[in-house]
Protein backbone atom coordinates (compact mmCIF):
# COMPACT_ATOMS: atom_id res chain seq x y z
CA UNK A 1 62.87 -137.80 75.25
CA UNK A 2 62.84 -140.28 72.21
CA UNK A 3 64.63 -140.59 68.93
CA UNK A 4 62.51 -140.07 65.86
CA UNK A 5 64.06 -141.92 62.92
CA UNK A 6 63.85 -140.17 59.52
CA UNK A 7 63.33 -142.12 56.53
CA UNK A 8 65.46 -141.26 53.51
CA UNK A 9 62.67 -140.17 51.17
CA UNK A 10 61.40 -137.80 54.07
CA UNK A 11 64.92 -136.23 54.51
CA UNK A 12 65.39 -136.00 50.61
CA UNK A 13 62.01 -134.08 50.54
CA UNK A 14 62.75 -131.71 53.25
CA UNK A 15 66.29 -131.01 51.62
CA UNK A 16 64.66 -130.50 48.21
CA UNK A 17 62.24 -127.80 49.77
CA UNK A 18 65.34 -126.08 51.23
CA UNK A 19 67.24 -126.13 47.92
CA UNK A 20 64.12 -124.84 46.03
CA UNK A 21 63.65 -122.09 48.57
CA UNK A 22 67.29 -120.88 48.24
CA UNK A 23 67.31 -121.18 44.50
CA UNK A 24 63.99 -119.19 44.33
CA UNK A 25 65.08 -116.55 46.67
CA UNK A 26 67.04 -114.40 44.37
CA UNK A 27 70.06 -114.29 46.45
CA UNK A 28 73.57 -115.23 45.31
CA UNK A 29 74.73 -116.97 48.26
CA UNK A 30 73.23 -118.85 51.28
CA UNK A 31 75.07 -120.20 54.30
CA UNK A 32 74.17 -123.51 55.81
CA UNK A 33 75.48 -124.72 59.11
CA UNK A 34 75.06 -128.33 60.18
CA UNK A 35 76.59 -131.58 61.24
CA UNK A 36 78.33 -133.77 58.82
CA UNK A 37 75.39 -136.29 57.91
CA UNK A 38 73.06 -133.37 57.09
CA UNK A 39 75.46 -131.45 54.98
CA UNK A 40 76.35 -134.38 53.07
CA UNK A 41 72.57 -135.31 52.55
CA UNK A 42 72.38 -131.50 51.23
CA UNK A 43 75.06 -132.03 48.84
CA UNK A 44 73.55 -135.08 47.40
CA UNK A 45 70.26 -133.45 46.94
CA UNK A 46 72.08 -130.41 45.33
CA UNK A 47 73.58 -132.77 42.71
CA UNK A 48 70.38 -134.59 42.35
CA UNK A 49 71.90 -137.80 43.75
CA UNK A 50 70.48 -140.45 46.08
CA UNK A 51 71.23 -139.68 49.79
CA UNK A 52 72.92 -143.13 50.10
CA UNK A 53 75.84 -141.96 48.05
CA UNK A 54 76.74 -139.46 50.74
CA UNK A 55 78.95 -142.24 52.30
CA UNK A 56 81.41 -141.44 49.46
CA UNK A 57 81.81 -137.91 50.22
CA UNK A 58 83.48 -137.71 53.65
CA UNK A 59 83.30 -134.52 55.66
CA UNK A 60 85.56 -133.54 58.40
CA UNK A 61 84.71 -131.28 61.42
CA UNK A 62 85.17 -127.49 60.77
CA UNK A 63 85.50 -127.75 57.08
CA UNK A 64 84.02 -125.52 54.50
CA UNK A 65 82.25 -126.84 51.29
CA UNK A 66 80.66 -124.64 48.50
CA UNK A 67 77.92 -125.84 46.38
CA UNK A 68 77.50 -124.30 43.19
CA UNK A 69 77.06 -124.65 39.46
CA UNK A 70 79.24 -125.32 36.54
CA UNK A 71 77.83 -124.49 33.16
CA UNK A 72 74.37 -124.25 34.71
CA UNK A 73 74.54 -127.73 36.25
CA UNK A 74 74.84 -128.29 39.99
CA UNK A 75 78.41 -128.82 41.08
CA UNK A 76 80.74 -129.10 44.14
CA UNK A 77 82.91 -125.97 44.06
CA UNK A 78 84.84 -126.71 47.14
CA UNK A 79 84.31 -129.83 49.40
CA UNK A 80 85.82 -130.48 52.95
CA UNK A 81 88.35 -127.67 52.73
CA UNK A 82 90.12 -126.50 55.92
CA UNK A 83 89.49 -122.82 56.55
């Protein structure tokens, strides 16, 4: 088995497709499970930010974060909250 390194622009592109699919689905809520690095990257793309800024958004194990909107703009409703 070998490790495939993902380039930031490739990761961002994949996550942008996930976000577009969720936004275009017509559902009010969607649930994503993953490891911290992937979820931070998802949050950065939700906010329209560069993936490299994810380092400023610590995410602990077994926490809940909620991506949403505030006045029609992408926002973090909750971040890194213990359930």
